Amino acid sequence: MRKFLVVLDDSRECLNAIRFAAMRAAHTGGGVEVLAVIPPEEFNHWIGVGDIMREEARERIEAHFEVFAKWMRDKQGVDPELAIREGEPVAEIMAQVRDDPDIGVLVLGAASDKKGPGPLVTQLTRNAGGLPIPITIVPGDL
């Protein structure tokens, strides 16, 4: 089954990408994999504090994911998977694509402000030649 990979973060454009990926998966009989990346700078504290912060970040991600997962199940009939990685977002997204051969499309949401499409879209489209799958960019105003 072909999966649509979408990145879960705190951006507004993330919502459009998740919605688009779920609708495409429902219409094509595919699946959705939601990837959350915890950046390394969140844990540059003492070892014990860093471990607690890491666990809190995972709990926050899982709670955030469950909101979207419920919507996908109820409205689109799609049961998404959650993957959590730690590291630099672009490197971890590319690693996830390489590690999971079922991922067929990377879905990203583009910001609609004048500053540009957002850092993930900018960096990943620069590296698009290194990805074995296409990237779908969902406009911010969609």
Protein backbone atom coordinates (compact mmCIF):
# COMPACT_ATOMS: atom_id res chain seq x y z
CA MET A 1 0.00 0.00 0.00
CA ARG A 2 1.35 3.40 -0.97
CA LYS A 3 1.62 5.82 1.93
CA PHE A 4 1.51 9.59 1.98
CA LEU A 5 4.10 11.02 4.38
CA VAL A 6 3.13 14.26 6.08
CA VAL A 7 5.09 16.23 8.68
CA LEU A 8 3.44 17.12 11.98
CA ASP A 9 4.70 20.38 13.46
CA ASP A 10 3.33 23.56 14.98
CA SER A 11 2.88 25.40 11.70
CA ARG A 12 -0.49 26.43 10.28
CA GLU A 13 0.37 24.92 6.92
CA CYS A 14 0.69 21.51 8.57
CA LEU A 15 -3.10 21.35 8.86
CA ASN A 16 -3.61 21.69 5.11
CA ALA A 17 -0.99 19.06 4.37
CA ILE A 18 -2.55 16.58 6.81
CA ARG A 19 -6.02 17.16 5.43
CA PHE A 20 -4.82 16.79 1.83
CA ALA A 21 -2.84 13.61 2.58
CA ALA A 22 -5.83 12.02 4.32
CA MET A 23 -8.20 12.85 1.46
CA ARG A 24 -5.76 11.56 -1.18
CA ALA A 25 -5.18 8.36 0.79
CA ALA A 26 -8.92 7.81 1.15
CA HIS A 27 -9.50 8.32 -2.59
CA THR A 28 -6.60 6.13 -3.72
CA GLY A 29 -6.77 3.35 -1.13
CA GLY A 30 -3.46 4.42 0.37
CA GLY A 31 -2.30 5.15 3.88
CA VAL A 32 -0.97 8.12 5.80
CA GLU A 33 2.18 8.22 7.86
CA VAL A 34 2.58 11.25 10.09
CA LEU A 35 6.17 12.13 10.98
CA ALA A 36 7.07 14.37 13.90
CA VAL A 37 10.69 15.43 14.30
CA ILE A 38 12.03 16.57 17.65
CA PRO A 39 14.90 19.01 16.98
CA PRO A 40 18.10 18.37 18.97
CA GLU A 41 18.24 21.90 20.43
CA GLU A 42 15.24 21.09 22.62
CA PHE A 43 17.40 18.83 24.81
CA ASN A 44 20.66 20.71 25.30
CA HIS A 45 20.23 20.65 29.06
CA TRP A 46 21.49 18.48 31.85
CA ILE A 47 20.98 14.79 31.17
CA GLY A 48 18.05 14.30 33.56
CA VAL A 49 16.27 17.46 32.44
CA GLY A 50 16.84 16.58 28.77
CA ASP A 51 15.28 13.14 29.28
CA ILE A 52 12.22 14.65 30.94
CA MET A 53 11.88 17.24 28.17
CA ARG A 54 12.22 14.52 25.52
CA GLU A 55 9.44 12.48 27.15
CA GLU A 56 7.21 15.56 27.42
CA ALA A 57 7.81 16.35 23.74
CA ARG A 58 6.80 12.80 22.79
CA GLU A 59 3.64 13.01 24.89
CA ARG A 60 2.74 16.36 23.31
CA ILE A 61 3.31 14.93 19.82
CA GLU A 62 1.21 11.85 20.55
CA ALA A 63 -1.66 13.98 21.89
CA HIS A 64 -1.46 16.30 18.87
CA PHE A 65 -1.37 13.28 16.53
CA GLU A 66 -4.43 11.70 18.15
CA VAL A 67 -6.54 14.77 17.33
CA PHE A 68 -5.65 14.45 13.64
CA ALA A 69 -5.85 10.65 13.68
CA LYS A 70 -9.40 10.76 15.02
CA TRP A 71 -10.42 13.17 12.27
CA MET A 72 -8.78 10.95 9.62
CA ARG A 73 -10.51 7.83 10.94
CA ASP A 74 -13.92 9.46 11.37
CA LYS A 75 -14.05 11.64 8.25
CA GLN A 76 -11.81 9.87 5.73
CA GLY A 77 -11.74 6.25 6.89
CA VAL A 78 -7.94 6.34 7.06
CA ASP A 79 -6.02 4.97 10.04
CA PRO A 80 -2.71 6.89 10.11
CA GLU A 81 0.61 5.76 11.53
CA LEU A 82 2.84 7.95 13.71
CA ALA A 83 6.62 8.06 13.45
CA ILE A 84 8.72 10.17 15.81
CA ARG A 85 12.37 10.92 15.08
CA GLU A 86 14.95 13.09 16.76
CA GLY A 87 17.37 15.27 14.84
CA GLU A 88 17.43 17.94 12.16
CA PRO A 89 14.01 18.01 10.45
CA VAL A 90 15.13 17.86 6.81
CA ALA A 91 17.65 15.07 7.43
CA GLU A 92 15.11 13.05 9.42
CA ILE A 93 12.39 13.48 6.77
CA MET A 94 14.77 12.26 4.08
CA ALA A 95 15.86 9.35 6.30
CA GLN A 96 12.23 8.36 6.94
CA VAL A 97 11.55 8.31 3.20
CA ARG A 98 14.60 6.12 2.60
CA ASP A 99 13.80 3.81 5.54
CA ASP A 100 10.18 3.10 4.57
CA PRO A 101 9.77 1.78 1.01
CA ASP A 102 5.95 2.05 1.26
CA ILE A 103 6.10 5.86 1.31
CA GLY A 104 5.14 7.02 -2.17
CA VAL A 105 4.58 10.77 -1.77
CA LEU A 106 5.82 13.45 0.62
CA VAL A 107 3.08 16.02 1.30
CA LEU A 108 4.13 19.45 2.58
CA GLY A 109 2.07 22.52 3.33
CA ALA A 110 3.29 25.87 2.01
CA ALA A 111 2.86 29.05 4.03
CA SER A 112 0.81 31.76 2.37
CA ASP A 113 2.63 34.80 3.73
CA LYS A 114 5.14 36.98 1.89
CA LYS A 115 8.15 35.43 3.65
CA GLY A 116 8.01 32.39 1.38
CA PRO A 117 6.65 28.85 1.57
CA GLY A 118 8.37 28.03 4.87
CA PRO A 119 11.71 26.52 5.85
CA LEU A 120 10.79 22.86 5.28
CA VAL A 121 9.39 23.45 1.80
CA THR A 122 12.37 25.62 0.87
CA GLN A 123 14.99 23.16 2.10
CA LEU A 124 13.29 20.01 0.84
CA THR A 125 12.62 21.35 -2.64
CA ARG A 126 16.31 22.27 -2.80
CA ASN A 127 17.10 18.62 -2.00
CA ALA A 128 14.26 17.15 -4.08
CA GLY A 129 16.70 15.50 -6.48
CA GLY A 130 17.94 13.33 -3.61
CA LEU A 131 14.48 11.98 -2.80
CA PRO A 132 13.23 8.77 -4.43
CA ILE A 133 9.61 10.02 -4.32
CA PRO A 134 7.69 13.08 -5.51
CA ILE A 135 6.82 16.00 -3.25
CA THR A 136 3.30 17.43 -3.25
CA ILE A 137 3.13 21.01 -1.99
CA VAL A 138 -0.27 22.09 -0.71
CA PRO A 139 -0.91 25.85 -1.01
CA GLY A 140 -1.48 27.69 2.25
CA ASP A 141 -4.79 29.17 1.15
CA LEU A 142 -6.33 25.88 0.06
